[in-house]
Amino acid sequence: MKEYPEHKRRHIGVPRGMLRHITLIMLKEKPMSGSEIAEEIESYMDWKPSPGSIYPLLNNLQEEDLIKPNEASDPTLKRFSLSEKGRSELSAHRHHDQEIRNRSKNIRKLYWRLLRGMPEEAYESYIALQDQIEETYGKLTDLERFKAILDDTTNELKKLEKKDNE
């Protein structure tokens, strides 16, 4: 029987088309190079897009006039910024945000209900809290109060865990 070498753990990337959307969002915020985009994405998740993904994408976005070279940046590093056409494209494709949210909900439900065995009633309360956090954050004006509420909730859950472990 043929033995296979141990494979590196595969990291989950982003759904098809999402790298394009994420790149446009990042370039809306500030001019960035391909390596800076890859590093920033890695800082958010356990995945880093390869140069073979980033650079062809940047070339395509530039050919489509969605991004443009940023002349004011360091001449030794090719940075791009979002063009007006890119801003329009980004606004027109807001459905990607909802796609991410839906995928996240499906994975959360699979994890909590199936893998962790969370009862349906507890899961419904958990998801209601998660939904409320997302909705509140979207309309937020008082970040300090929002953070304080989250910190208080976290501390209450830690107290509950500690009490159950006694």
Protein backbone atom coordinates (compact mmCIF):
# COMPACT_ATOMS: atom_id res chain seq x y z
CA MET A 1 0.00 0.00 0.00
CA LYS A 2 1.38 3.37 -1.01
CA GLU A 3 1.98 5.79 1.84
CA TYR A 4 1.49 9.48 1.31
CA PRO A 5 3.61 12.12 2.96
CA GLU A 6 1.90 14.14 5.60
CA HIS A 7 0.24 17.15 4.03
CA LYS A 8 0.36 20.61 5.46
CA ARG A 9 -2.86 21.68 7.08
CA ARG A 10 -4.93 23.47 4.47
CA HIS A 11 -6.28 26.85 5.37
CA ILE A 12 -9.71 27.90 4.31
CA GLY A 13 -9.56 30.77 1.86
CA VAL A 14 -12.36 32.98 0.72
CA PRO A 15 -15.23 32.03 -1.59
CA ARG A 16 -14.74 32.53 -5.32
CA GLY A 17 -15.00 36.20 -6.26
CA MET A 18 -14.62 37.35 -2.68
CA LEU A 19 -10.91 38.19 -3.02
CA ARG A 20 -11.86 40.70 -5.71
CA HIS A 21 -14.47 42.30 -3.45
CA ILE A 22 -12.15 42.37 -0.43
CA THR A 23 -9.35 43.92 -2.51
CA LEU A 24 -11.65 46.69 -3.75
CA ILE A 25 -12.77 47.42 -0.17
CA MET A 26 -9.17 47.60 1.03
CA LEU A 27 -8.11 49.89 -1.83
CA LYS A 28 -11.06 52.17 -1.05
CA GLU A 29 -9.53 52.77 2.39
CA LYS A 30 -5.95 53.47 1.32
CA PRO A 31 -3.43 52.83 -1.48
CA MET A 32 -1.81 49.41 -1.13
CA SER A 33 0.56 47.07 -2.93
CA GLY A 34 -0.15 43.42 -3.64
CA SER A 35 2.03 42.27 -0.75
CA GLU A 36 0.37 44.74 1.63
CA ILE A 37 -3.07 43.47 0.59
CA ALA A 38 -2.03 39.85 1.18
CA GLU A 39 -0.53 40.68 4.59
CA GLU A 40 -3.58 42.64 5.70
CA ILE A 41 -5.92 39.82 4.68
CA GLU A 42 -3.72 37.40 6.64
CA SER A 43 -4.02 39.66 9.70
CA TYR A 44 -7.80 39.11 9.64
CA MET A 45 -7.88 35.37 9.06
CA ASP A 46 -5.85 32.18 8.97
CA TRP A 47 -5.20 32.49 5.24
CA LYS A 48 -2.93 34.54 3.03
CA PRO A 49 -3.64 34.88 -0.68
CA SER A 50 -0.74 33.76 -2.84
CA PRO A 51 1.09 36.11 -5.19
CA GLY A 52 -0.42 33.97 -7.97
CA SER A 53 -3.85 35.12 -6.83
CA ILE A 54 -3.15 38.73 -5.91
CA TYR A 55 -1.06 39.99 -8.82
CA PRO A 56 -3.20 38.65 -11.67
CA LEU A 57 -6.23 40.06 -9.83
CA LEU A 58 -4.60 43.49 -9.56
CA ASN A 59 -3.73 43.37 -13.28
CA ASN A 60 -7.34 42.50 -14.16
CA LEU A 61 -8.72 45.24 -11.92
CA GLN A 62 -6.37 47.74 -13.54
CA GLU A 63 -7.35 46.59 -17.05
CA GLU A 64 -11.01 47.05 -16.08
CA ASP A 65 -10.17 50.59 -14.85
CA LEU A 66 -11.39 49.72 -11.34
CA ILE A 67 -8.04 50.57 -9.76
CA LYS A 68 -5.20 52.87 -10.75
CA PRO A 69 -1.55 53.16 -9.78
CA ASN A 70 -1.04 55.55 -6.91
CA GLU A 71 1.52 58.09 -8.05
CA ALA A 72 2.00 59.68 -4.61
CA SER A 73 3.27 56.51 -2.98
CA ASP A 74 6.79 55.13 -2.62
CA PRO A 75 8.30 54.78 -6.14
CA THR A 76 9.97 51.49 -5.16
CA LEU A 77 6.59 49.90 -4.33
CA LYS A 78 3.71 49.77 -6.79
CA ARG A 79 0.61 50.75 -4.86
CA PHE A 80 -2.91 51.01 -6.22
CA SER A 81 -5.98 52.98 -5.23
CA LEU A 82 -9.62 52.65 -6.17
CA SER A 83 -10.79 54.57 -9.24
CA GLU A 84 -14.21 56.23 -9.51
CA LYS A 85 -15.35 53.29 -11.63
CA GLY A 86 -14.08 50.99 -8.85
CA ARG A 87 -16.12 52.90 -6.26
CA SER A 88 -19.23 52.44 -8.39
CA GLU A 89 -18.49 48.73 -8.83
CA LEU A 90 -18.04 48.33 -5.09
CA SER A 91 -21.37 50.01 -4.35
CA ALA A 92 -23.12 47.86 -6.94
CA HIS A 93 -21.85 44.61 -5.40
CA ARG A 94 -22.87 45.01 -1.77
CA HIS A 95 -24.55 41.59 -1.99
CA HIS A 96 -21.14 40.04 -1.23
CA ASP A 97 -21.48 41.32 2.33
CA GLN A 98 -24.73 39.39 2.74
CA GLU A 99 -23.15 36.29 1.19
CA ILE A 100 -20.38 36.38 3.79
CA ARG A 101 -22.93 36.78 6.57
CA ASN A 102 -25.02 33.85 5.30
CA ARG A 103 -22.00 31.56 4.99
CA SER A 104 -20.90 32.54 8.47
CA LYS A 105 -24.34 31.71 9.89
CA ASN A 106 -24.35 28.30 8.22
CA ILE A 107 -20.91 27.44 9.57
CA ARG A 108 -21.83 28.70 13.06
CA LYS A 109 -24.97 26.57 13.11
CA LEU A 110 -23.05 23.49 11.97
CA TYR A 111 -20.38 24.09 14.61
CA TRP A 112 -22.64 24.87 17.56
CA ARG A 113 -25.58 22.55 16.90
CA LEU A 114 -23.83 19.53 15.44
CA LEU A 115 -20.23 19.60 16.64
CA ARG A 116 -20.77 21.16 20.07
CA GLY A 117 -24.27 19.77 20.66
CA MET A 118 -25.82 23.09 21.69
CA PRO A 119 -29.56 22.71 22.35
CA GLU A 120 -31.84 24.50 19.88
CA GLU A 121 -33.16 26.95 22.52
CA ALA A 122 -29.65 28.01 23.53
CA TYR A 123 -28.61 28.27 19.89
CA GLU A 124 -31.59 30.51 19.08
CA SER A 125 -30.57 32.85 21.93
CA TYR A 126 -26.95 32.80 20.77
CA ILE A 127 -27.87 33.62 17.18
CA ALA A 128 -30.25 36.38 18.32
CA LEU A 129 -27.36 37.93 20.26
CA GLN A 130 -25.03 37.60 17.26
CA ASP A 131 -27.63 39.15 14.94
CA GLN A 132 -28.22 42.01 17.36
CA ILE A 133 -24.48 42.67 17.63
CA GLU A 134 -24.23 42.84 13.83
CA GLU A 135 -27.28 45.09 13.50
CA THR A 136 -26.22 47.41 16.32
CA TYR A 137 -22.67 47.71 15.04
CA GLY A 138 -23.99 48.71 11.63
CA LYS A 139 -25.80 51.71 13.14
CA LEU A 140 -23.31 52.47 15.89
CA THR A 141 -22.53 55.94 17.17
CA ASP A 142 -21.16 55.07 20.63
CA LEU A 143 -18.31 52.58 20.19
CA GLU A 144 -17.19 52.83 23.82
CA ARG A 145 -20.64 51.86 25.14
CA PHE A 146 -20.88 49.04 22.59
CA LYS A 147 -17.50 47.66 23.71
CA ALA A 148 -18.46 48.00 27.38
CA ILE A 149 -21.64 45.98 26.82
CA LEU A 150 -19.67 43.27 25.00
CA ASP A 151 -17.05 43.22 27.77
CA ASP A 152 -19.78 42.96 30.45
CA THR A 153 -21.43 40.09 28.58
CA THR A 154 -18.09 38.30 28.24
CA ASN A 155 -17.38 38.74 31.96
CA GLU A 156 -20.83 37.39 32.90
CA LEU A 157 -20.23 34.31 30.76
CA LYS A 158 -16.82 33.80 32.38
CA LYS A 159 -18.47 33.98 35.83
CA LEU A 160 -21.03 31.39 34.72
CA GLU A 161 -18.27 29.10 33.44
CA LYS A 162 -16.28 29.51 36.66
CA LYS A 163 -19.36 28.75 38.77
CA ASP A 164 -20.11 25.61 36.73
CA ASN A 165 -16.50 24.43 37.13
CA GLU A 166 -16.54 24.72 40.93
